[in-house]
Amino acid sequence: MEEALVVGRVITNQAVPSLLGQKLLWIDPLDESGERTGNWVVAVDTTRSGEGERVIFVRSREAAESLENPFTPVDAAITGIVDRSERNQGN
């Protein structure tokens, strides 16, 4: 799992049937220090998150398995909304 910031919405006019009705969002993954990386990713939203929210997401096979149809062709899926995040910056 990784953290990201939702930065926008993706609107499509065609999609594979298993993506119909799914919301797609642009997310900007966060690095180890919680800073935006600038390497935006399109992720299917399973949480009803919105722009400006900090989220948890998964990639690869785990992304598809988070959907009703685990054979949906997705590379990233938002699986949680972060309420608070604490990072230990050292030992």
PDB file of N, CA and C in Angstrom:
ATOM      1  N   MET A   1       0.835  -1.176   0.000  1.00  0.00           N
ATOM      2  CA  MET A   1       0.000   0.000   0.000  1.00  0.00           C
ATOM      3  C   MET A   1       0.877   1.237   0.000  1.00  0.00           C
ATOM      4  N   GLU A   2       0.362   2.258  -0.647  1.00  0.00           N
ATOM      5  CA  GLU A   2       1.067   3.531  -0.731  1.00  0.00           C
ATOM      6  C   GLU A   2       0.084   4.660  -0.438  1.00  0.00           C
ATOM      7  N   GLU A   3       0.626   5.814  -0.073  1.00  0.00           N
ATOM      8  CA  GLU A   3      -0.205   7.005   0.121  1.00  0.00           C
ATOM      9  C   GLU A   3      -0.104   7.897  -1.105  1.00  0.00           C
ATOM     10  N   ALA A   4      -1.187   8.632  -1.365  1.00  0.00           N
ATOM     11  CA  ALA A   4      -1.221   9.566  -2.487  1.00  0.00           C
ATOM     12  C   ALA A   4      -2.189  10.684  -2.161  1.00  0.00           C
ATOM     13  N   LEU A   5      -2.125  11.733  -2.967  1.00  0.00           N
ATOM     14  CA  LEU A   5      -3.062  12.847  -2.877  1.00  0.00           C
ATOM     15  C   LEU A   5      -3.904  12.837  -4.143  1.00  0.00           C
ATOM     16  N   VAL A   6      -5.229  12.931  -3.999  1.00  0.00           N
ATOM     17  CA  VAL A   6      -6.119  12.990  -5.167  1.00  0.00           C
ATOM     18  C   VAL A   6      -5.996  14.378  -5.769  1.00  0.00           C
ATOM     19  N   VAL A   7      -5.648  14.434  -7.064  1.00  0.00           N
ATOM     20  CA  VAL A   7      -5.407  15.718  -7.716  1.00  0.00           C
ATOM     21  C   VAL A   7      -6.387  16.035  -8.843  1.00  0.00           C
ATOM     22  N   GLY A   8      -7.257  15.102  -9.193  1.00  0.00           N
ATOM     23  CA  GLY A   8      -8.212  15.385 -10.251  1.00  0.00           C
ATOM     24  C   GLY A   8      -9.042  14.177 -10.604  1.00  0.00           C
ATOM     25  N   ARG A   9      -9.951  14.381 -11.550  1.00  0.00           N
ATOM     26  CA  ARG A   9     -10.856  13.319 -11.982  1.00  0.00           C
ATOM     27  C   ARG A   9     -10.627  13.029 -13.462  1.00  0.00           C
ATOM     28  N   VAL A  10     -10.802  11.785 -13.843  1.00  0.00           N
ATOM     29  CA  VAL A  10     -10.678  11.364 -15.235  1.00  0.00           C
ATOM     30  C   VAL A  10     -12.076  11.086 -15.770  1.00  0.00           C
ATOM     31  N   ILE A  11     -12.406  11.694 -16.900  1.00  0.00           N
ATOM     32  CA  ILE A  11     -13.698  11.486 -17.545  1.00  0.00           C
ATOM     33  C   ILE A  11     -13.447  10.720 -18.839  1.00  0.00           C
ATOM     34  N   THR A  12     -14.160   9.613 -19.012  1.00  0.00           N
ATOM     35  CA  THR A  12     -14.002   8.816 -20.227  1.00  0.00           C
ATOM     36  C   THR A  12     -15.333   8.741 -20.967  1.00  0.00           C
ATOM     37  N   ASN A  13     -15.261   8.531 -22.273  1.00  0.00           N
ATOM     38  CA  ASN A  13     -16.496   8.336 -23.024  1.00  0.00           C
ATOM     39  C   ASN A  13     -16.638   6.884 -23.472  1.00  0.00           C
ATOM     40  N   GLN A  14     -15.597   6.082 -23.261  1.00  0.00           N
ATOM     41  CA  GLN A  14     -15.661   4.652 -23.530  1.00  0.00           C
ATOM     42  C   GLN A  14     -14.807   3.934 -22.496  1.00  0.00           C
ATOM     43  N   ALA A  15     -15.252   2.756 -22.121  1.00  0.00           N
ATOM     44  CA  ALA A  15     -14.495   1.955 -21.157  1.00  0.00           C
ATOM     45  C   ALA A  15     -14.885   0.495 -21.320  1.00  0.00           C
ATOM     46  N   VAL A  16     -14.025  -0.386 -20.839  1.00  0.00           N
ATOM     47  CA  VAL A  16     -14.388  -1.799 -20.836  1.00  0.00           C
ATOM     48  C   VAL A  16     -15.598  -1.960 -19.927  1.00  0.00           C
ATOM     49  N   PRO A  17     -16.460  -2.931 -20.194  1.00  0.00           N
ATOM     50  CA  PRO A  17     -17.694  -3.080 -19.415  1.00  0.00           C
ATOM     51  C   PRO A  17     -17.480  -3.149 -17.902  1.00  0.00           C
ATOM     52  N   SER A  18     -16.414  -3.775 -17.448  1.00  0.00           N
ATOM     53  CA  SER A  18     -16.210  -3.908 -16.001  1.00  0.00           C
ATOM     54  C   SER A  18     -15.832  -2.583 -15.334  1.00  0.00           C
ATOM     55  N   LEU A  19     -15.527  -1.545 -16.128  1.00  0.00           N
ATOM     56  CA  LEU A  19     -15.226  -0.221 -15.567  1.00  0.00           C
ATOM     57  C   LEU A  19     -16.418   0.734 -15.647  1.00  0.00           C
ATOM     58  N   LEU A  20     -17.497   0.318 -16.280  1.00  0.00           N
ATOM     59  CA  LEU A  20     -18.676   1.178 -16.371  1.00  0.00           C
ATOM     60  C   LEU A  20     -19.193   1.467 -14.973  1.00  0.00           C
ATOM     61  N   GLY A  21     -19.429   2.734 -14.685  1.00  0.00           N
ATOM     62  CA  GLY A  21     -19.916   3.150 -13.379  1.00  0.00           C
ATOM     63  C   GLY A  21     -18.831   3.338 -12.337  1.00  0.00           C
ATOM     64  N   GLN A  22     -17.586   3.066 -12.688  1.00  0.00           N
ATOM     65  CA  GLN A  22     -16.472   3.250 -11.757  1.00  0.00           C
ATOM     66  C   GLN A  22     -15.906   4.657 -11.912  1.00  0.00           C
ATOM     67  N   LYS A  23     -15.542   5.281 -10.799  1.00  0.00           N
ATOM     68  CA  LYS A  23     -14.936   6.616 -10.841  1.00  0.00           C
ATOM     69  C   LYS A  23     -13.429   6.459 -10.941  1.00  0.00           C
ATOM     70  N   LEU A  24     -12.834   7.181 -11.896  1.00  0.00           N
ATOM     71  CA  LEU A  24     -11.386   7.182 -12.081  1.00  0.00           C
ATOM     72  C   LEU A  24     -10.827   8.521 -11.625  1.00  0.00           C
ATOM     73  N   LEU A  25      -9.754   8.483 -10.847  1.00  0.00           N
ATOM     74  CA  LEU A  25      -9.153   9.704 -10.323  1.00  0.00           C
ATOM     75  C   LEU A  25      -7.667   9.756 -10.630  1.00  0.00           C
ATOM     76  N   TRP A  26      -7.169  10.978 -10.834  1.00  0.00           N
ATOM     77  CA  TRP A  26      -5.726  11.205 -10.901  1.00  0.00           C
ATOM     78  C   TRP A  26      -5.227  11.287  -9.464  1.00  0.00           C
ATOM     79  N   ILE A  27      -4.183  10.544  -9.157  1.00  0.00           N
ATOM     80  CA  ILE A  27      -3.568  10.632  -7.837  1.00  0.00           C
ATOM     81  C   ILE A  27      -2.078  10.899  -8.007  1.00  0.00           C
ATOM     82  N   ASP A  28      -1.505  11.591  -7.027  1.00  0.00           N
ATOM     83  CA  ASP A  28      -0.081  11.893  -7.012  1.00  0.00           C
ATOM     84  C   ASP A  28       0.528  11.151  -5.821  1.00  0.00           C
ATOM     85  N   PRO A  29       1.254  10.050  -6.075  1.00  0.00           N
ATOM     86  CA  PRO A  29       1.842   9.291  -4.970  1.00  0.00           C
ATOM     87  C   PRO A  29       2.768  10.164  -4.126  1.00  0.00           C
ATOM     88  N   LEU A  30       2.851   9.821  -2.834  1.00  0.00           N
ATOM     89  CA  LEU A  30       3.698  10.545  -1.896  1.00  0.00           C
ATOM     90  C   LEU A  30       4.971   9.745  -1.640  1.00  0.00           C
ATOM     91  N   ASP A  31       6.084  10.450  -1.451  1.00  0.00           N
ATOM     92  CA  ASP A  31       7.341   9.766  -1.146  1.00  0.00           C
ATOM     93  C   ASP A  31       7.410   9.430   0.343  1.00  0.00           C
ATOM     94  N   GLU A  32       8.546   8.916   0.772  1.00  0.00           N
ATOM     95  CA  GLU A  32       8.718   8.474   2.156  1.00  0.00           C
ATOM     96  C   GLU A  32       8.524   9.594   3.175  1.00  0.00           C
ATOM     97  N   SER A  33       8.778  10.837   2.765  1.00  0.00           N
ATOM     98  CA  SER A  33       8.625  11.964   3.683  1.00  0.00           C
ATOM     99  C   SER A  33       7.246  12.624   3.567  1.00  0.00           C
ATOM    100  N   GLY A  34       6.369  12.048   2.757  1.00  0.00           N
ATOM    101  CA  GLY A  34       5.022  12.582   2.618  1.00  0.00           C
ATOM    102  C   GLY A  34       4.874  13.673   1.575  1.00  0.00           C
ATOM    103  N   GLU A  35       5.912  13.876   0.768  1.00  0.00           N
ATOM    104  CA  GLU A  35       5.867  14.895  -0.292  1.00  0.00           C
ATOM    105  C   GLU A  35       5.365  14.289  -1.596  1.00  0.00           C
ATOM    106  N   ARG A  36       4.663  15.101  -2.387  1.00  0.00           N
ATOM    107  CA  ARG A  36       4.170  14.660  -3.693  1.00  0.00           C
ATOM    108  C   ARG A  36       5.339  14.355  -4.621  1.00  0.00           C
ATOM    109  N   THR A  37       5.203  13.279  -5.409  1.00  0.00           N
ATOM    110  CA  THR A  37       6.279  12.884  -6.323  1.00  0.00           C
ATOM    111  C   THR A  37       6.141  13.513  -7.699  1.00  0.00           C
ATOM    112  N   GLY A  38       4.927  13.880  -8.089  1.00  0.00           N
ATOM    113  CA  GLY A  38       4.707  14.404  -9.433  1.00  0.00           C
ATOM    114  C   GLY A  38       4.541  13.308 -10.468  1.00  0.00           C
ATOM    115  N   ASN A  39       4.543  12.054 -10.059  1.00  0.00           N
ATOM    116  CA  ASN A  39       4.367  10.911 -10.959  1.00  0.00           C
ATOM    117  C   ASN A  39       2.913  10.443 -10.901  1.00  0.00           C
ATOM    118  N   TRP A  40       2.027  11.249 -11.471  1.00  0.00           N
ATOM    119  CA  TRP A  40       0.595  10.990 -11.388  1.00  0.00           C
ATOM    120  C   TRP A  40       0.220   9.623 -11.935  1.00  0.00           C
ATOM    121  N   VAL A  41      -0.815   9.033 -11.338  1.00  0.00           N
ATOM    122  CA  VAL A  41      -1.324   7.723 -11.706  1.00  0.00           C
ATOM    123  C   VAL A  41      -2.847   7.827 -11.786  1.00  0.00           C
ATOM    124  N   VAL A  42      -3.458   7.126 -12.731  1.00  0.00           N
ATOM    125  CA  VAL A  42      -4.917   7.020 -12.769  1.00  0.00           C
ATOM    126  C   VAL A  42      -5.300   5.805 -11.928  1.00  0.00           C
ATOM    127  N   ALA A  43      -6.222   6.011 -10.984  1.00  0.00           N
ATOM    128  CA  ALA A  43      -6.651   4.919 -10.107  1.00  0.00           C
ATOM    129  C   ALA A  43      -8.170   4.858 -10.065  1.00  0.00           C
ATOM    130  N   VAL A  44      -8.700   3.652 -10.002  1.00  0.00           N
ATOM    131  CA  VAL A  44     -10.141   3.487  -9.803  1.00  0.00           C
ATOM    132  C   VAL A  44     -10.421   3.716  -8.319  1.00  0.00           C
ATOM    133  N   ASP A  45     -11.498   4.439  -8.044  1.00  0.00           N
ATOM    134  CA  ASP A  45     -11.822   4.819  -6.670  1.00  0.00           C
ATOM    135  C   ASP A  45     -12.861   3.867  -6.090  1.00  0.00           C
ATOM    136  N   THR A  46     -12.508   3.183  -5.009  1.00  0.00           N
ATOM    137  CA  THR A  46     -13.458   2.290  -4.342  1.00  0.00           C
ATOM    138  C   THR A  46     -13.973   2.902  -3.043  1.00  0.00           C
ATOM    139  N   THR A  47     -13.632   4.173  -2.767  1.00  0.00           N
ATOM    140  CA  THR A  47     -13.893   4.756  -1.454  1.00  0.00           C
ATOM    141  C   THR A  47     -14.737   6.027  -1.458  1.00  0.00           C
ATOM    142  N   ARG A  48     -15.105   6.523  -2.615  1.00  0.00           N
ATOM    143  CA  ARG A  48     -15.823   7.807  -2.727  1.00  0.00           C
ATOM    144  C   ARG A  48     -14.957   8.972  -2.266  1.00  0.00           C
ATOM    145  N   SER A  49     -13.674   8.894  -2.552  1.00  0.00           N
ATOM    146  CA  SER A  49     -12.774   9.997  -2.197  1.00  0.00           C
ATOM    147  C   SER A  49     -12.894  11.109  -3.234  1.00  0.00           C
ATOM    148  N   GLY A  50     -12.312  12.248  -2.905  1.00  0.00           N
ATOM    149  CA  GLY A  50     -12.408  13.381  -3.807  1.00  0.00           C
ATOM    150  C   GLY A  50     -11.124  14.179  -3.845  1.00  0.00           C
ATOM    151  N   GLU A  51     -11.103  15.152  -4.716  1.00  0.00           N
ATOM    152  CA  GLU A  51      -9.916  15.977  -4.915  1.00  0.00           C
ATOM    153  C   GLU A  51      -9.459  16.611  -3.602  1.00  0.00           C
ATOM    154  N   GLY A  52      -8.154  16.556  -3.375  1.00  0.00           N
ATOM    155  CA  GLY A  52      -7.559  17.127  -2.186  1.00  0.00           C
ATOM    156  C   GLY A  52      -7.427  16.153  -1.022  1.00  0.00           C
ATOM    157  N   GLU A  53      -8.043  14.981  -1.133  1.00  0.00           N
ATOM    158  CA  GLU A  53      -7.959  14.009  -0.040  1.00  0.00           C
ATOM    159  C   GLU A  53      -6.704  13.155  -0.159  1.00  0.00           C
ATOM    160  N   ARG A  54      -6.187  12.789   0.998  1.00  0.00           N
ATOM    161  CA  ARG A  54      -5.046  11.882   1.079  1.00  0.00           C
ATOM    162  C   ARG A  54      -5.619  10.467   1.141  1.00  0.00           C
ATOM    163  N   VAL A  55      -5.108   9.571   0.300  1.00  0.00           N
ATOM    164  CA  VAL A  55      -5.676   8.233   0.178  1.00  0.00           C
ATOM    165  C   VAL A  55      -4.591   7.166   0.245  1.00  0.00           C
ATOM    166  N   ILE A  56      -5.040   5.943   0.472  1.00  0.00           N
ATOM    167  CA  ILE A  56      -4.205   4.752   0.376  1.00  0.00           C
ATOM    168  C   ILE A  56      -4.569   4.085  -0.939  1.00  0.00           C
ATOM    169  N   PHE A  57      -3.552   3.615  -1.676  1.00  0.00           N
ATOM    170  CA  PHE A  57      -3.855   2.897  -2.904  1.00  0.00           C
ATOM    171  C   PHE A  57      -2.934   1.702  -3.065  1.00  0.00           C
ATOM    172  N   VAL A  58      -3.369   0.775  -3.906  1.00  0.00           N
ATOM    173  CA  VAL A  58      -2.591  -0.414  -4.221  1.00  0.00           C
ATOM    174  C   VAL A  58      -2.388  -0.465  -5.726  1.00  0.00           C
ATOM    175  N   ARG A  59      -1.353  -1.161  -6.117  1.00  0.00           N
ATOM    176  CA  ARG A  59      -1.029  -1.294  -7.544  1.00  0.00           C
ATOM    177  C   ARG A  59      -1.087  -2.765  -7.964  1.00  0.00           C
ATOM    178  N   SER A  60      -1.001  -2.968  -9.265  1.00  0.00           N
ATOM    179  CA  SER A  60      -0.881  -4.297  -9.871  1.00  0.00           C
ATOM    180  C   SER A  60      -2.094  -5.170  -9.607  1.00  0.00           C
ATOM    181  N   ARG A  61      -1.836  -6.438  -9.365  1.00  0.00           N
ATOM    182  CA  ARG A  61      -2.909  -7.417  -9.187  1.00  0.00           C
ATOM    183  C   ARG A  61      -3.824  -7.050  -8.016  1.00  0.00           C
ATOM    184  N   GLU A  62      -3.246  -6.492  -6.957  1.00  0.00           N
ATOM    185  CA  GLU A  62      -4.047  -6.109  -5.795  1.00  0.00           C
ATOM    186  C   GLU A  62      -5.103  -5.068  -6.172  1.00  0.00           C
ATOM    187  N   ALA A  63      -4.786  -4.219  -7.147  1.00  0.00           N
ATOM    188  CA  ALA A  63      -5.747  -3.205  -7.590  1.00  0.00           C
ATOM    189  C   ALA A  63      -6.982  -3.866  -8.199  1.00  0.00           C
ATOM    190  N   ALA A  64      -6.771  -4.799  -9.091  1.00  0.00           N
ATOM    191  CA  ALA A  64      -7.900  -5.487  -9.723  1.00  0.00           C
ATOM    192  C   ALA A  64      -8.683  -6.308  -8.708  1.00  0.00           C
ATOM    193  N   GLU A  65      -7.998  -6.902  -7.744  1.00  0.00           N
ATOM    194  CA  GLU A  65      -8.677  -7.733  -6.745  1.00  0.00           C
ATOM    195  C   GLU A  65      -9.542  -6.914  -5.788  1.00  0.00           C
ATOM    196  N   SER A  66      -9.352  -5.602  -5.755  1.00  0.00           N
ATOM    197  CA  SER A  66     -10.184  -4.768  -4.888  1.00  0.00           C
ATOM    198  C   SER A  66     -11.542  -4.458  -5.513  1.00  0.00           C
ATOM    199  N   LEU A  67     -11.740  -4.859  -6.756  1.00  0.00           N
ATOM    200  CA  LEU A  67     -12.993  -4.585  -7.473  1.00  0.00           C
ATOM    201  C   LEU A  67     -13.895  -5.813  -7.494  1.00  0.00           C
ATOM    202  N   GLU A  68     -15.153  -5.585  -7.810  1.00  0.00           N
ATOM    203  CA  GLU A  68     -16.114  -6.690  -7.880  1.00  0.00           C
ATOM    204  C   GLU A  68     -15.661  -7.740  -8.888  1.00  0.00           C
ATOM    205  N   ASN A  69     -15.186  -7.296 -10.046  1.00  0.00           N
ATOM    206  CA  ASN A  69     -14.660  -8.208 -11.061  1.00  0.00           C
ATOM    207  C   ASN A  69     -13.136  -8.161 -10.984  1.00  0.00           C
ATOM    208  N   PRO A  70     -12.499  -9.188 -10.436  1.00  0.00           N
ATOM    209  CA  PRO A  70     -11.046  -9.156 -10.248  1.00  0.00           C
ATOM    210  C   PRO A  70     -10.250  -9.249 -11.554  1.00  0.00           C
ATOM    211  N   PHE A  71     -10.935  -9.349 -12.681  1.00  0.00           N
ATOM    212  CA  PHE A  71     -10.249  -9.382 -13.971  1.00  0.00           C
ATOM    213  C   PHE A  71     -10.351  -8.044 -14.699  1.00  0.00           C
ATOM    214  N   THR A  72     -10.801  -6.999 -13.997  1.00  0.00           N
ATOM    215  CA  THR A  72     -10.870  -5.662 -14.568  1.00  0.00           C
ATOM    216  C   THR A  72      -9.452  -5.160 -14.836  1.00  0.00           C
ATOM    217  N   PRO A  73      -9.199  -4.620 -16.031  1.00  0.00           N
ATOM    218  CA  PRO A  73      -7.844  -4.176 -16.370  1.00  0.00           C
ATOM    219  C   PRO A  73      -7.490  -2.821 -15.747  1.00  0.00           C
ATOM    220  N   VAL A  74      -7.035  -2.848 -14.489  1.00  0.00           N
ATOM    221  CA  VAL A  74      -6.605  -1.638 -13.803  1.00  0.00           C
ATOM    222  C   VAL A  74      -5.213  -1.847 -13.219  1.00  0.00           C
ATOM    223  N   ASP A  75      -4.470  -0.752 -13.099  1.00  0.00           N
ATOM    224  CA  ASP A  75      -3.128  -0.809 -12.531  1.00  0.00           C
ATOM    225  C   ASP A  75      -3.066  -0.227 -11.126  1.00  0.00           C
ATOM    226  N   ALA A  76      -4.096   0.542 -10.722  1.00  0.00           N
ATOM    227  CA  ALA A  76      -4.090   1.160  -9.392  1.00  0.00           C
ATOM    228  C   ALA A  76      -5.532   1.310  -8.907  1.00  0.00           C
ATOM    229  N   ALA A  77      -5.718   1.144  -7.592  1.00  0.00           N
ATOM    230  CA  ALA A  77      -7.037   1.304  -6.997  1.00  0.00           C
ATOM    231  C   ALA A  77      -6.900   1.978  -5.635  1.00  0.00           C
ATOM    232  N   ILE A  78      -7.756   2.955  -5.397  1.00  0.00           N
ATOM    233  CA  ILE A  78      -7.811   3.620  -4.094  1.00  0.00           C
ATOM    234  C   ILE A  78      -8.628   2.727  -3.169  1.00  0.00           C
ATOM    235  N   THR A  79      -8.033   2.363  -2.018  1.00  0.00           N
ATOM    236  CA  THR A  79      -8.683   1.431  -1.112  1.00  0.00           C
ATOM    237  C   THR A  79      -8.964   2.022   0.260  1.00  0.00           C
ATOM    238  N   GLY A  80      -8.532   3.256   0.512  1.00  0.00           N
ATOM    239  CA  GLY A  80      -8.783   3.874   1.806  1.00  0.00           C
ATOM    240  C   GLY A  80      -8.557   5.372   1.761  1.00  0.00           C
ATOM    241  N   ILE A  81      -9.198   6.078   2.689  1.00  0.00           N
ATOM    242  CA  ILE A  81      -9.010   7.515   2.853  1.00  0.00           C
ATOM    243  C   ILE A  81      -8.260   7.723   4.163  1.00  0.00           C
ATOM    244  N   VAL A  82      -7.189   8.502   4.124  1.00  0.00           N
ATOM    245  CA  VAL A  82      -6.356   8.725   5.300  1.00  0.00           C
ATOM    246  C   VAL A  82      -6.955   9.830   6.160  1.00  0.00           C
ATOM    247  N   ASP A  83      -7.220   9.524   7.409  1.00  0.00           N
ATOM    248  CA  ASP A  83      -7.679  10.532   8.360  1.00  0.00           C
ATOM    249  C   ASP A  83      -6.487  11.239   8.989  1.00  0.00           C
ATOM    250  N   ARG A  84      -5.451  10.454   9.291  1.00  0.00           N
ATOM    251  CA  ARG A  84      -4.252  11.007   9.908  1.00  0.00           C
ATOM    252  C   ARG A  84      -3.100  10.066   9.580  1.00  0.00           C
ATOM    253  N   SER A  85      -1.921  10.642   9.392  1.00  0.00           N
ATOM    254  CA  SER A  85      -0.742   9.837   9.090  1.00  0.00           C
ATOM    255  C   SER A  85       0.417  10.340   9.936  1.00  0.00           C
ATOM    256  N   GLU A  86       1.060   9.428  10.647  1.00  0.00           N
ATOM    257  CA  GLU A  86       2.219   9.770  11.455  1.00  0.00           C
ATOM    258  C   GLU A  86       3.412   8.989  10.920  1.00  0.00           C
ATOM    259  N   ARG A  87       4.497   9.695  10.719  1.00  0.00           N
ATOM    260  CA  ARG A  87       5.697   9.051  10.178  1.00  0.00           C
ATOM    261  C   ARG A  87       6.836   9.172  11.182  1.00  0.00           C
ATOM    262  N   ASN A  88       7.503   8.077  11.417  1.00  0.00           N
ATOM    263  CA  ASN A  88       8.679   8.072  12.277  1.00  0.00           C
ATOM    264  C   ASN A  88       9.885   8.370  11.398  1.00  0.00           C
ATOM    265  N   GLN A  89      10.526   9.506  11.607  1.00  0.00           N
ATOM    266  CA  GLN A  89      11.626   9.940  10.750  1.00  0.00           C
ATOM    267  C   GLN A  89      12.992   9.410  11.186  1.00  0.00           C
ATOM    268  N   GLY A  90      13.042   8.530  12.121  1.00  0.00           N
ATOM    269  CA  GLY A  90      14.319   7.969  12.545  1.00  0.00           C
ATOM    270  C   GLY A  90      14.152   6.992  13.676  1.00  0.00           C
ATOM    271  N   ASN A  91      15.231   6.423  14.102  1.00  0.00           N
ATOM    272  CA  ASN A  91      15.177   5.432  15.194  1.00  0.00           C
ATOM    273  C   ASN A  91      15.536   6.050  16.511  1.00  0.00           C
TER     274      ASN A  91
END
